[in-house]
Amino acid sequence: MQDSVIKIDLTNITTCELHRELLKREGVQSCFLGPEDKLFQVVRGPAWVIVNRD
């Protein structure tokens, strides 16, 4: 049996919309930093780190 893959074009989805949707997902954490804030964090993998400056 062959797995079917559905491809969705996300190019017209704004970064803000993608970000909001990701935040709803299990295992996703967020932390807002202001312009003068700094963050030093230890992350045990596996993990993806995404910086969204939009």
C-alpha atoms as a PDB file:
ATOM      1  CA  MET A   1       0.000   0.000   0.000  1.00  0.00           C
ATOM      2  CA  GLN A   2       1.336   3.434  -0.918  1.00  0.00           C
ATOM      3  CA  ASP A   3       1.092   6.324   1.559  1.00  0.00           C
ATOM      4  CA  SER A   4      -0.609   9.348   0.092  1.00  0.00           C
ATOM      5  CA  VAL A   5       0.869  12.755   0.835  1.00  0.00           C
ATOM      6  CA  ILE A   6      -1.253  15.874   0.650  1.00  0.00           C
ATOM      7  CA  LYS A   7       0.766  18.968  -0.198  1.00  0.00           C
ATOM      8  CA  ILE A   8      -0.588  22.337   0.844  1.00  0.00           C
ATOM      9  CA  ASP A   9       0.744  25.605  -0.559  1.00  0.00           C
ATOM     10  CA  LEU A  10       1.583  27.809   2.434  1.00  0.00           C
ATOM     11  CA  THR A  11       3.179  30.656   0.497  1.00  0.00           C
ATOM     12  CA  ASN A  12       0.088  32.846   0.875  1.00  0.00           C
ATOM     13  CA  ILE A  13      -0.161  32.264   4.631  1.00  0.00           C
ATOM     14  CA  THR A  14       1.400  35.062   6.677  1.00  0.00           C
ATOM     15  CA  THR A  15       4.187  34.378   9.148  1.00  0.00           C
ATOM     16  CA  CYS A  16       1.891  35.627  11.905  1.00  0.00           C
ATOM     17  CA  GLU A  17      -0.805  33.081  10.984  1.00  0.00           C
ATOM     18  CA  LEU A  18       1.729  30.247  10.818  1.00  0.00           C
ATOM     19  CA  HIS A  19       3.156  31.292  14.190  1.00  0.00           C
ATOM     20  CA  ARG A  20      -0.286  31.366  15.849  1.00  0.00           C
ATOM     21  CA  GLU A  21      -1.089  27.904  14.512  1.00  0.00           C
ATOM     22  CA  LEU A  22       2.221  26.448  15.689  1.00  0.00           C
ATOM     23  CA  LEU A  23       1.602  27.788  19.197  1.00  0.00           C
ATOM     24  CA  LYS A  24      -1.562  25.663  19.401  1.00  0.00           C
ATOM     25  CA  ARG A  25       0.422  22.456  18.897  1.00  0.00           C
ATOM     26  CA  GLU A  26       1.492  20.058  21.607  1.00  0.00           C
ATOM     27  CA  GLY A  27       5.203  20.243  22.325  1.00  0.00           C
ATOM     28  CA  VAL A  28       5.564  23.839  21.110  1.00  0.00           C
ATOM     29  CA  GLN A  29       6.764  26.443  23.586  1.00  0.00           C
ATOM     30  CA  SER A  30       7.002  30.185  23.095  1.00  0.00           C
ATOM     31  CA  CYS A  31       8.625  33.066  24.906  1.00  0.00           C
ATOM     32  CA  PHE A  32       8.263  36.719  23.893  1.00  0.00           C
ATOM     33  CA  LEU A  33      11.357  38.899  24.200  1.00  0.00           C
ATOM     34  CA  GLY A  34      11.397  42.669  23.915  1.00  0.00           C
ATOM     35  CA  PRO A  35      14.130  44.569  22.019  1.00  0.00           C
ATOM     36  CA  GLU A  36      16.384  44.805  25.094  1.00  0.00           C
ATOM     37  CA  ASP A  37      15.721  41.289  26.457  1.00  0.00           C
ATOM     38  CA  LYS A  38      18.172  38.411  26.244  1.00  0.00           C
ATOM     39  CA  LEU A  39      17.491  34.706  26.541  1.00  0.00           C
ATOM     40  CA  PHE A  40      19.931  31.975  27.439  1.00  0.00           C
ATOM     41  CA  GLN A  41      18.345  28.554  27.495  1.00  0.00           C
ATOM     42  CA  VAL A  42      19.523  24.981  27.519  1.00  0.00           C
ATOM     43  CA  VAL A  43      17.522  22.743  25.211  1.00  0.00           C
ATOM     44  CA  ARG A  44      17.800  18.977  25.250  1.00  0.00           C
ATOM     45  CA  GLY A  45      17.193  17.598  21.801  1.00  0.00           C
ATOM     46  CA  PRO A  46      15.964  16.578  19.528  1.00  0.00           C
ATOM     47  CA  ALA A  47      14.543  20.055  18.980  1.00  0.00           C
ATOM     48  CA  TRP A  48      14.079  22.714  16.345  1.00  0.00           C
ATOM     49  CA  VAL A  49      14.762  26.319  17.323  1.00  0.00           C
ATOM     50  CA  ILE A  50      12.915  28.940  15.280  1.00  0.00           C
ATOM     51  CA  VAL A  51      13.442  32.671  15.769  1.00  0.00           C
ATOM     52  CA  ASN A  52      10.534  34.732  14.441  1.00  0.00           C
ATOM     53  CA  ARG A  53      11.352  38.443  14.259  1.00  0.00           C
ATOM     54  CA  ASP A  54       8.281  39.310  12.200  1.00  0.00           C
END
